Structure formats: structure tokens, C-alpha cells
Protein backbone atom coordinates (compact mmCIF):
# COMPACT_ATOMS: atom_id res chain seq x y z
CA MET A 1 20.11 100.18 -14.86
CA ALA A 2 22.45 97.96 -12.85
CA LYS A 3 24.82 99.38 -10.27
CA VAL A 4 28.02 97.38 -9.78
CA ARG A 5 30.87 98.95 -7.90
CA PRO A 6 34.47 98.11 -6.98
CA PHE A 7 35.46 97.18 -3.44
CA LYS A 8 38.50 96.66 -1.22
CA ALA A 9 38.76 92.91 -1.33
CA ILE A 10 40.02 90.91 1.58
CA ARG A 11 41.80 88.12 -0.29
CA PRO A 12 44.44 85.45 0.30
CA ALA A 13 48.12 86.20 0.40
CA PRO A 14 49.32 85.02 -3.03
CA ALA A 15 51.40 82.14 -1.67
CA LEU A 16 48.35 80.73 0.15
CA ALA A 17 45.56 81.21 -2.42
CA ASP A 18 45.47 77.57 -3.49
CA LYS A 19 45.30 76.43 0.14
CA VAL A 20 42.62 78.95 1.14
CA ALA A 21 40.24 78.57 -1.81
CA ALA A 22 37.48 76.02 -1.25
CA LEU A 23 34.35 74.75 -2.92
CA PRO A 24 31.15 76.50 -1.77
CA TYR A 25 29.69 75.39 1.54
CA ASP A 26 26.52 73.88 0.06
CA VAL A 27 28.07 71.27 -2.25
CA MET A 28 29.40 69.03 0.52
CA SER A 29 28.41 67.52 3.85
CA SER A 30 30.07 68.35 7.15
CA ALA A 31 31.77 64.94 7.11
CA GLU A 32 33.19 65.59 3.64
CA ALA A 33 34.38 69.03 4.72
CA ARG A 34 36.18 67.56 7.72
CA GLU A 35 38.09 65.25 5.41
CA MET A 36 38.92 68.05 2.98
CA VAL A 37 40.63 70.22 5.60
CA VAL A 38 42.87 67.53 7.09
CA GLY A 39 46.37 69.00 7.17
CA ASN A 40 45.21 72.37 5.83
CA PRO A 41 44.59 75.04 8.49
CA TYR A 42 44.21 77.68 5.76
CA SER A 43 41.12 76.22 4.09
CA PHE A 44 38.20 78.62 3.89
CA LEU A 45 35.96 75.77 4.99
CA HIS A 46 37.04 76.73 8.53
CA VAL A 47 34.92 79.84 7.92
CA ASP A 48 32.17 78.63 5.60
CA LYS A 49 31.56 75.33 7.43
CA ALA A 50 32.86 76.18 10.88
CA GLU A 51 31.15 73.17 12.48
CA ILE A 52 34.17 71.16 11.32
CA ASP A 53 36.14 72.78 14.17
CA LEU A 54 33.54 71.82 16.77
CA PRO A 55 32.67 68.46 18.32
CA LEU A 56 30.84 65.92 16.18
CA GLY A 57 27.10 66.24 16.61
CA THR A 58 27.12 70.02 17.09
CA ASP A 59 23.89 71.55 15.80
CA LEU A 60 24.78 73.11 12.45
CA TYR A 61 22.68 76.16 13.30
CA ALA A 62 23.86 76.64 16.88
CA PRO A 63 25.19 80.12 17.76
CA ILE A 64 28.64 78.65 18.44
CA VAL A 65 28.96 77.66 14.76
CA TYR A 66 28.55 81.24 13.57
CA GLU A 67 30.80 82.62 16.30
CA THR A 68 33.46 80.09 15.35
CA ALA A 69 33.19 81.16 11.71
CA LYS A 70 33.70 84.79 12.72
CA ASN A 71 36.63 83.99 15.01
CA ASN A 72 38.32 81.87 12.36
CA LEU A 73 37.90 84.57 9.71
CA TYR A 74 39.36 87.40 11.75
CA ARG A 75 42.13 85.21 13.16
CA MET A 76 43.17 84.35 9.59
CA ILE A 77 43.14 88.06 8.69
CA GLU A 78 45.27 88.94 11.72
CA GLU A 79 47.74 86.14 11.01
CA GLY A 80 48.30 87.33 7.44
CA THR A 81 46.51 84.53 5.64
CA PHE A 82 44.49 87.32 4.04
CA ILE A 83 45.52 90.73 2.76
CA THR A 84 43.32 93.77 2.09
CA ASP A 85 43.64 95.92 -1.00
CA ASP A 86 44.42 99.59 -0.45
CA LYS A 87 41.64 100.91 -2.66
CA PRO A 88 38.40 99.71 -4.26
CA CYS A 89 39.09 97.57 -7.33
CA PHE A 90 37.36 95.25 -9.71
CA TYR A 91 38.86 91.81 -10.33
CA VAL A 92 38.98 89.43 -13.28
CA TYR A 93 38.24 85.81 -12.33
CA ARG A 94 38.80 83.13 -14.98
CA GLN A 95 38.05 79.43 -14.63
CA ILE A 96 39.02 76.77 -17.16
CA MET A 97 37.43 73.32 -16.95
CA ASN A 98 37.94 70.64 -19.59
CA GLY A 99 39.41 73.24 -21.94
CA ARG A 100 36.43 75.61 -21.69
CA ALA A 101 36.92 79.03 -20.07
CA GLN A 102 34.52 81.41 -18.36
CA THR A 103 35.78 84.83 -17.29
CA GLY A 104 33.90 87.18 -15.00
CA ILE A 105 34.19 90.50 -13.22
CA VAL A 106 34.26 90.43 -9.42
CA GLY A 107 32.52 93.41 -7.85
CA CYS A 108 29.64 94.32 -5.58
CA ALA A 109 26.01 94.43 -6.74
CA SER A 110 23.31 96.58 -5.18
CA ILE A 111 20.70 95.30 -2.74
CA ASP A 112 18.34 97.93 -4.17
CA ASP A 113 18.75 96.41 -7.63
CA TYR A 114 17.80 93.06 -6.10
CA MET A 115 14.73 94.52 -4.41
CA ASN A 116 13.70 96.44 -7.54
CA ASN A 117 14.12 93.37 -9.75
CA ILE A 118 16.94 94.85 -11.79
CA ILE A 119 18.69 91.74 -10.53
CA LYS A 120 16.31 89.06 -11.76
CA LYS A 121 15.61 85.72 -10.08
CA HIS A 122 14.36 82.41 -11.42
CA GLU A 123 14.25 80.24 -8.30
CA LEU A 124 12.47 80.08 -4.95
CA THR A 125 14.48 79.94 -1.74
CA ARG A 126 14.06 77.77 1.33
CA ALA A 127 13.57 79.67 4.58
CA ASP A 128 15.95 77.51 6.60
CA LYS A 129 18.82 77.81 4.13
CA GLU A 130 18.25 81.54 3.77
CA GLU A 131 18.22 82.04 7.55
CA ASP A 132 21.47 80.10 7.93
CA ARG A 133 23.37 82.29 5.46
CA CYS A 134 21.77 85.43 6.86
CA ARG A 135 23.14 84.67 10.32
CA HIS A 136 26.52 83.73 8.87
CA VAL A 137 26.85 87.00 6.91
CA ASP A 138 25.55 89.12 9.78
CA ILE A 139 27.82 87.66 12.46
CA CYS A 140 30.90 87.55 10.22
CA ASP A 141 30.09 91.10 9.04
CA ALA A 142 31.10 90.01 5.57
CA ASN A 143 29.96 88.37 2.35
CA THR A 144 32.15 85.29 2.36
CA GLY A 145 30.80 83.60 -0.77
CA PRO A 146 30.17 85.28 -4.14
CA ILE A 147 26.84 85.28 -5.95
CA PHE A 148 27.04 84.00 -9.54
CA LEU A 149 25.41 86.64 -11.79
CA THR A 150 25.18 86.89 -15.56
CA TYR A 151 24.45 89.68 -18.02
CA LYS A 152 24.23 90.28 -21.74
CA ALA A 153 27.81 90.44 -22.99
CA ASN A 154 29.28 93.95 -23.25
CA GLU A 155 32.18 94.92 -25.55
CA ALA A 156 33.56 97.59 -23.19
CA ILE A 157 33.77 95.13 -20.30
CA ASN A 158 35.27 92.47 -22.58
CA ALA A 159 37.97 94.94 -23.67
CA VAL A 160 39.00 95.79 -20.10
CA THR A 161 38.98 92.11 -19.18
CA ALA A 162 41.26 91.26 -22.12
CA LYS A 163 43.64 94.11 -21.22
CA TYR A 164 44.25 92.78 -17.71
CA MET A 165 44.43 89.16 -18.78
CA ALA A 166 47.49 90.12 -20.80
CA LEU A 167 49.24 91.03 -17.53
CA ALA A 168 50.64 88.81 -14.80
CA PRO A 169 47.89 87.38 -12.57
CA VAL A 170 47.88 87.63 -8.77
CA TYR A 171 46.63 84.03 -8.48
CA ASP A 172 47.08 81.14 -10.88
CA PHE A 173 46.52 77.60 -9.63
CA VAL A 174 44.52 74.45 -10.29
CA SER A 175 41.87 73.16 -7.87
CA ASP A 176 40.13 69.83 -8.47
CA GLY A 177 41.12 69.95 -12.12
CA VAL A 178 39.82 73.49 -12.69
CA ALA A 179 42.32 76.26 -13.46
CA GLN A 180 41.66 79.35 -11.31
CA THR A 181 43.26 82.67 -12.34
CA VAL A 182 42.72 86.17 -10.93
CA TRP A 183 43.84 89.64 -12.04
CA VAL A 184 43.29 92.96 -10.23
CA ILE A 185 41.68 95.81 -12.21
CA ASP A 186 43.27 98.75 -10.40
CA GLY A 187 43.53 101.44 -13.09
CA GLU A 188 41.14 104.29 -12.30
CA GLU A 189 40.07 104.73 -15.93
CA ASP A 190 39.45 101.01 -16.35
CA ILE A 191 37.48 100.86 -13.09
CA SER A 192 35.30 103.69 -14.40
CA ILE A 193 34.79 101.98 -17.76
CA VAL A 194 33.56 98.79 -16.08
CA ALA A 195 31.27 100.63 -13.65
CA GLU A 196 29.81 102.80 -16.42
CA ALA A 197 29.27 99.78 -18.68
CA PHE A 198 27.26 98.03 -15.98
CA ASP A 199 25.39 101.29 -15.36
CA LYS A 200 24.14 101.02 -18.96
CA THR A 201 23.13 97.37 -18.50
CA PRO A 202 19.35 97.11 -18.04
CA CYS A 203 19.43 94.08 -15.78
CA LEU A 204 21.46 91.28 -14.25
CA TYR A 205 20.40 87.69 -13.68
CA ILE A 206 21.13 85.35 -10.79
CA ALA A 207 22.61 82.22 -12.31
CA ASP A 208 23.48 80.50 -9.03
CA GLY A 209 23.31 81.70 -5.43
CA HIS A 210 19.68 82.61 -4.77
CA HIS A 211 20.01 81.83 -1.06
CA ARG A 212 23.25 83.78 -0.67
CA SER A 213 21.83 86.82 -2.46
CA ALA A 214 18.56 86.78 -0.52
CA SER A 215 20.53 86.52 2.73
CA ALA A 216 22.87 89.36 1.78
CA VAL A 217 19.88 91.58 1.04
CA ARG A 218 18.24 90.70 4.36
CA VAL A 219 21.41 91.66 6.21
CA GLY A 220 21.63 94.92 4.26
CA LYS A 221 18.06 95.80 5.18
CA LYS A 222 18.75 94.94 8.81
CA ARG A 223 21.76 97.29 8.83
CA ARG A 224 19.62 100.05 7.34
CA GLU A 225 17.27 99.70 10.29
CA GLN A 226 20.23 99.83 12.68
CA TYR A 227 21.66 102.91 10.95
CA PRO A 228 18.64 104.96 9.80
CA ASP A 229 20.89 107.81 8.66
CA TYR A 230 22.52 105.62 5.99
CA ASP A 231 23.09 107.36 2.65
CA GLY A 232 23.29 104.30 0.37
CA THR A 233 27.06 104.29 -0.10
CA GLU A 234 27.80 102.05 2.89
CA GLU A 235 29.20 98.62 2.12
CA PHE A 236 26.15 96.85 3.59
CA ASN A 237 24.14 98.21 0.66
CA PHE A 238 26.09 95.92 -1.68
CA PHE A 239 26.94 92.23 -1.92
CA LEU A 240 29.82 90.24 -3.36
CA SER A 241 29.26 88.97 -6.91
CA VAL A 242 31.03 87.49 -9.88
CA LEU A 243 29.41 88.63 -13.12
CA PHE A 244 29.87 86.54 -16.25
CA PRO A 245 28.76 87.44 -19.80
CA ASP A 246 25.97 85.16 -20.95
CA GLU A 247 27.90 83.95 -23.99
CA GLN A 248 30.45 82.16 -21.77
CA LEU A 249 28.20 80.23 -19.42
CA TYR A 250 27.67 76.50 -19.48
CA ILE A 251 24.63 74.89 -17.89
CA MET A 252 24.80 71.15 -17.34
CA ASP A 253 21.98 68.65 -17.10
CA TYR A 254 20.33 68.16 -13.71
CA ASN A 255 19.14 64.58 -13.63
CA ARG A 256 16.64 62.71 -11.47
CA VAL A 257 16.45 59.36 -9.68
CA VAL A 258 13.36 58.01 -7.93
CA ALA A 259 13.29 55.39 -5.18
CA ASP A 260 10.26 53.33 -6.31
CA LEU A 261 7.64 53.01 -9.02
CA ASN A 262 4.78 54.14 -6.76
CA GLY A 263 3.23 50.68 -6.56
CA ASN A 264 3.46 49.97 -10.31
CA THR A 265 5.11 46.97 -11.87
CA GLU A 266 7.61 47.82 -14.61
CA ALA A 267 5.03 46.78 -17.22
CA GLN A 268 2.32 48.99 -15.68
CA PHE A 269 4.79 51.86 -15.39
CA MET A 270 5.77 51.61 -19.04
CA GLU A 271 2.13 51.43 -20.14
CA LYS A 272 1.29 54.63 -18.23
CA ILE A 273 4.33 56.44 -19.62
CA GLY A 274 3.23 55.53 -23.14
CA GLU A 275 0.14 57.72 -22.79
CA LYS A 276 2.22 60.91 -22.85
CA PHE A 277 5.56 59.79 -24.30
CA THR A 278 6.80 57.81 -27.27
CA ILE A 279 9.09 55.08 -25.93
CA ALA A 280 12.03 53.50 -27.73
CA GLU A 281 15.01 51.52 -26.51
CA MET A 282 18.27 53.44 -26.88
CA ALA A 283 21.99 52.88 -26.51
CA ARG A 284 23.58 54.06 -23.29
CA PRO A 285 24.01 57.85 -23.65
CA GLU A 286 27.63 58.89 -23.24
CA LYS A 287 26.71 62.43 -22.19
CA SER A 288 23.69 64.62 -21.54
CA LEU A 289 20.87 64.56 -24.07
CA SER A 290 20.87 67.33 -26.67
CA GLU A 291 17.34 67.05 -28.11
CA LYS A 292 14.75 69.15 -26.31
CA HIS A 293 11.62 67.43 -24.97
CA THR A 294 13.31 64.03 -24.92
CA PHE A 295 14.54 62.10 -21.88
CA GLY A 296 16.75 59.15 -21.21
CA MET A 297 15.25 56.64 -18.78
CA TYR A 298 17.24 53.87 -17.07
CA LEU A 299 14.95 51.10 -15.86
CA GLY A 300 15.51 47.41 -15.32
CA GLY A 301 19.06 47.56 -16.66
CA LYS A 302 18.02 49.14 -19.97
CA TRP A 303 18.01 52.66 -21.42
CA TYR A 304 14.91 54.07 -23.09
CA LYS A 305 14.33 57.29 -25.01
CA LEU A 306 11.14 59.10 -23.99
CA SER A 307 9.84 61.73 -26.42
CA ALA A 308 7.04 64.00 -25.25
CA LYS A 309 3.99 63.63 -27.48
CA GLU A 310 2.47 66.65 -29.18
CA GLY A 311 -0.14 68.35 -27.03
CA THR A 312 1.30 67.20 -23.71
CA PHE A 313 2.74 70.65 -22.93
CA ASP A 314 2.25 74.29 -23.89
CA ALA A 315 5.12 75.13 -26.25
CA THR A 316 4.27 78.85 -26.04
CA ASP A 317 4.74 79.03 -22.26
CA ALA A 318 8.37 79.54 -21.21
CA VAL A 319 8.01 77.55 -17.99
CA GLU A 320 5.65 74.83 -19.21
CA ALA A 321 7.94 74.13 -22.19
CA LEU A 322 10.96 73.42 -19.98
CA ASP A 323 11.96 69.78 -20.02
CA VAL A 324 11.96 69.69 -16.21
CA SER A 325 8.31 70.87 -16.28
CA ILE A 326 7.30 68.34 -18.93
CA LEU A 327 8.78 65.44 -16.98
CA GLN A 328 7.31 66.65 -13.69
CA LYS A 329 3.76 67.23 -14.96
CA ASN A 330 3.47 64.23 -17.27
CA LEU A 331 5.40 61.56 -15.39
CA LEU A 332 6.89 62.33 -11.99
CA SER A 333 3.68 63.73 -10.49
CA PRO A 334 0.83 61.74 -12.08
CA ILE A 335 2.60 58.36 -12.34
CA LEU A 336 5.26 58.33 -9.62
CA GLY A 337 3.38 60.53 -7.14
CA ILE A 338 6.16 63.11 -6.73
CA GLY A 339 3.98 66.12 -5.89
CA ASP A 340 6.62 68.53 -4.57
CA PRO A 341 10.13 67.61 -5.71
CA ARG A 342 11.61 70.11 -3.24
CA THR A 343 10.39 68.13 -0.24
CA ASP A 344 9.63 64.58 -1.42
CA LYS A 345 12.27 62.21 -0.02
CA ARG A 346 11.66 59.64 -2.76
CA ILE A 347 13.38 61.75 -5.42
CA ASP A 348 17.00 62.80 -5.63
CA PHE A 349 18.85 65.04 -8.05
CA ILE A 350 22.19 64.34 -9.72
CA GLY A 351 24.27 67.14 -11.20
CA GLY A 352 25.48 66.46 -14.72
CA ILE A 353 29.09 66.80 -13.60
CA ARG A 354 28.78 63.27 -12.15
CA GLY A 355 28.04 61.77 -15.56
CA ILE A 356 25.56 59.21 -16.86
CA GLY A 357 27.34 56.46 -14.96
CA GLU A 358 26.18 57.95 -11.68
CA LEU A 359 22.55 57.40 -12.70
CA GLU A 360 23.19 53.73 -13.42
CA LYS A 361 25.11 53.41 -10.16
CA ARG A 362 22.26 54.87 -8.09
CA VAL A 363 19.72 52.51 -9.66
CA LYS A 364 21.97 49.51 -9.07
CA GLU A 365 22.33 50.63 -5.44
CA GLY A 366 18.57 50.56 -4.88
CA MET A 367 16.80 53.43 -6.66
CA ALA A 368 14.10 52.24 -9.05
CA VAL A 369 14.47 54.51 -12.07
CA ALA A 370 16.67 57.32 -13.37
CA PHE A 371 16.01 60.10 -15.85
CA ALA A 372 18.70 61.84 -17.91
CA MET A 373 17.76 65.38 -18.89
CA CYS A 374 18.61 67.80 -21.66
CA PRO A 375 20.28 70.86 -20.05
CA THR A 376 18.28 74.06 -19.61
CA SER A 377 19.75 76.84 -21.76
CA ILE A 378 20.88 80.28 -20.59
CA ASP A 379 18.31 81.80 -22.99
CA GLU A 380 15.52 79.84 -21.30
CA LEU A 381 16.74 81.03 -17.90
CA MET A 382 16.78 84.67 -19.01
CA ASP A 383 13.38 84.45 -20.74
CA ILE A 384 11.76 83.08 -17.59
CA ALA A 385 13.45 85.64 -15.33
CA ASP A 386 12.44 88.45 -17.71
CA ALA A 387 8.84 87.29 -17.48
CA GLY A 388 9.01 87.33 -13.66
CA ARG A 389 8.41 83.59 -13.59
CA ILE A 390 9.99 80.87 -11.46
CA MET A 391 11.69 77.73 -12.74
CA PRO A 392 10.82 74.35 -11.25
CA PRO A 393 13.26 73.12 -8.58
CA LYS A 394 16.61 71.76 -9.73
CA SER A 395 16.39 73.11 -13.27
CA THR A 396 20.00 74.22 -13.70
CA TRP A 397 23.44 72.96 -12.71
CA PHE A 398 26.32 75.34 -13.37
CA GLU A 399 29.92 74.22 -13.66
CA PRO A 400 32.54 75.05 -12.66
CA LYS A 401 31.55 76.21 -9.19
CA LEU A 402 32.90 79.53 -7.94
CA LEU A 403 35.44 78.99 -5.19
CA SER A 404 34.96 80.66 -1.83
CA GLY A 405 37.73 82.44 0.02
CA LEU A 406 39.32 84.20 -2.95
CA PHE A 407 37.32 87.38 -2.29
CA ILE A 408 35.68 88.63 0.90
CA HIS A 409 33.55 91.77 1.07
CA LYS A 410 33.40 93.37 4.52
CA LEU A 411 30.12 95.10 5.33
CA SER A 412 31.47 97.78 7.67
């Protein structure tokens, strides 16, 4: 069963929350981050992307970057940008984007649950990205960005959440068009109800944040080696998470663009596609596709609907039946020569938040072909994680993104 416990959050002073909160470090470049913080010394990007306070050209993984992150964090705490709660609490974190709300519980999940697969994964991690966050967490002595977890909805947790949402929030602001609201669950009975409800939950699932969670666990294991008399209650045995009920999550399409046709003319390319897909011209899609096993393709200024032919994939296999797998194994790899989409520089991935127009734009700017995908469902994600399987790269795009800087979990 899952262990989720309250914690003493280090969080922004209420008057500064909207200035502190920032998008996660991995959705922007250093140059973009530098622009975002102009005129805002409170932005959490000074911690999560500390290279912005160093000379241009500084190695992103140089020791000075991590030391700067640590110095910025503790300077902001000392100056009163952040406050620390007096006792361990849970928190309610609601986001509203385009009229749709998702509301989660902020708490700390167990590194043992991660290692024992009570916290289930569906994605591989890259060693360089994992090492970067590991060093960041270790040197800052804190989880500075939350892991996005999900679980099967629970009535007891929903009831406590609703109770606190009826009260005045501690934060309520809009960031990049997304409403961000936070309440503190500080009643002892309610804290117990939430903890006990999670204790009866068989498993949790990582929705987004595989690198952050893997790094947090590595740091926890390192601290256990440093303190061999640990008893399991120390903060380094837990990592910062926001846990959302599955019924509220929204996965967007994660689309693909490819730089060239791998030596094929358009006519040759279309002929090869026709072996595995039925092809028909289609009107420009206004949003992501909704029919499984079909794809929108933008080529030569036209949109085409590709429908996977019967027998081209194993419908009984949870991974093989994913649309991202079907496209990869029947088109991207054999026709376009994209063997490993994680490393091949000829392919790029476009989150659905950017819209269909972004695919057309990228092709007009020089890419050869674009593919619009049907979003992966939360049920597909859970089925694959339950089976101990791994999704292909870039299978899911979650929106809205969890902001960093609203909650910090200190490890000691």
C-alpha cells in the first residue's frame, strides 16, 4: 500500500506567490528563462535554472550552477520570500485551464514505494538528465520541483479536498492563463484521513516527472549510506509530489515532425505508407484526433488521414496497440529510418498544447512531414504501468504543467 505523508512546506509568502511560481525547468531553454526573469528577482527560475545568473556560455552542469541554485534558494528563505509552516500539513493544489480543473493533494511519497514498484513507472529515463537533477536536489538539500503522480480516485480524499476548497485559499492567482489556487490542510483529523486513505491505496502512478522521481530516490539512497542508522522517518526517505485522482487528468496529443523523407519522393513515400495504412485526404483538423489507430499527416501542403490496416499491430498487447507504437513500427522506423526516436536528430516532438497550426508551421519552416496523434489515455498509461511495461518515448503530454516554487521539501 502507498505511503504518503504530510510535510512542513517551505512556500512563498502569500504576497509573492505569483512572482515566485515558475514553469518547470525542463520546458524552456536557458535563453527563454533569462527573458522570463527580467525584472523579477523572486522567480523560482533563479533556483531551478540557476545558470541564468551566471555568464553566458557557462556549462549547464558545472558545479557553480548547482552552488548558485543553493545560494539563491537559501538567500530567498532568509530574506522572507519563503515561509515555513509550523507543522507537517497536506495541501490542496487546484489548476484551471480553459475551464477544466484538476485538483491534487500535495504531500511526500516514499522512496521505498518507488523502489518496490508501489509507485509505478511507464517511461525510461536518460542518465544525463537524471544526474543533473540528482546533483541539484543533493546540493540544494531539497526537492524543489514536485513529481506529478496519479491514483484511482478515492471518496475520502475527495471529501477532505472539497472541505478545504470551501475555505479561503492561501494562494489564488493566474499564471500564463492557468488559475493556480492552494489551500492548507492543517486539521489533524483531516491529515489523518488523507494519510490513511493513501495507506489503503494499492499503488500510485507517475504521470509526469520520471527524471525528478528517479533523482530524488537516488539522493535518498545516498543519504541512507551517509547515515546508516536511519530509521525511515527522515525527510530524505520521501520526495515532493502532487497526487491527482485519475478521473481529473487530461493527456494531450504528442505529435511528431520529421526533417526529411529518407530519400523518398513524395510519391514513393505515399506508396510505401499505403502498404500498412489506408490513406484519404482530410480537412485540416482543428484539434487532436479522437479516433484510435488513425493519424493526421501533413505533407506537401495537404492533410491526409492514415488508418492502420488490420493485422499491422497486435491489438491484444497494451504497448503494441498504442498509436505511438503503431506509427513508429509501421512508418517512422521502416520508411523514414527513425530507429531510436529518443536520439535521432531528424525527428522532433510537438506537445498538443501548441495546436495543429504548429505542425503546419514547422513543415513550412523546413521539416518534411508532420503527424498529428490521438492522445494516449490515462487507462492505457495505467494498464501499461500495471503490466510493468514501458511506453515508447514521447507518448504523453500532460497539461497544465505543475508550477515550481509553490512547495519545497527540505531533506534534512
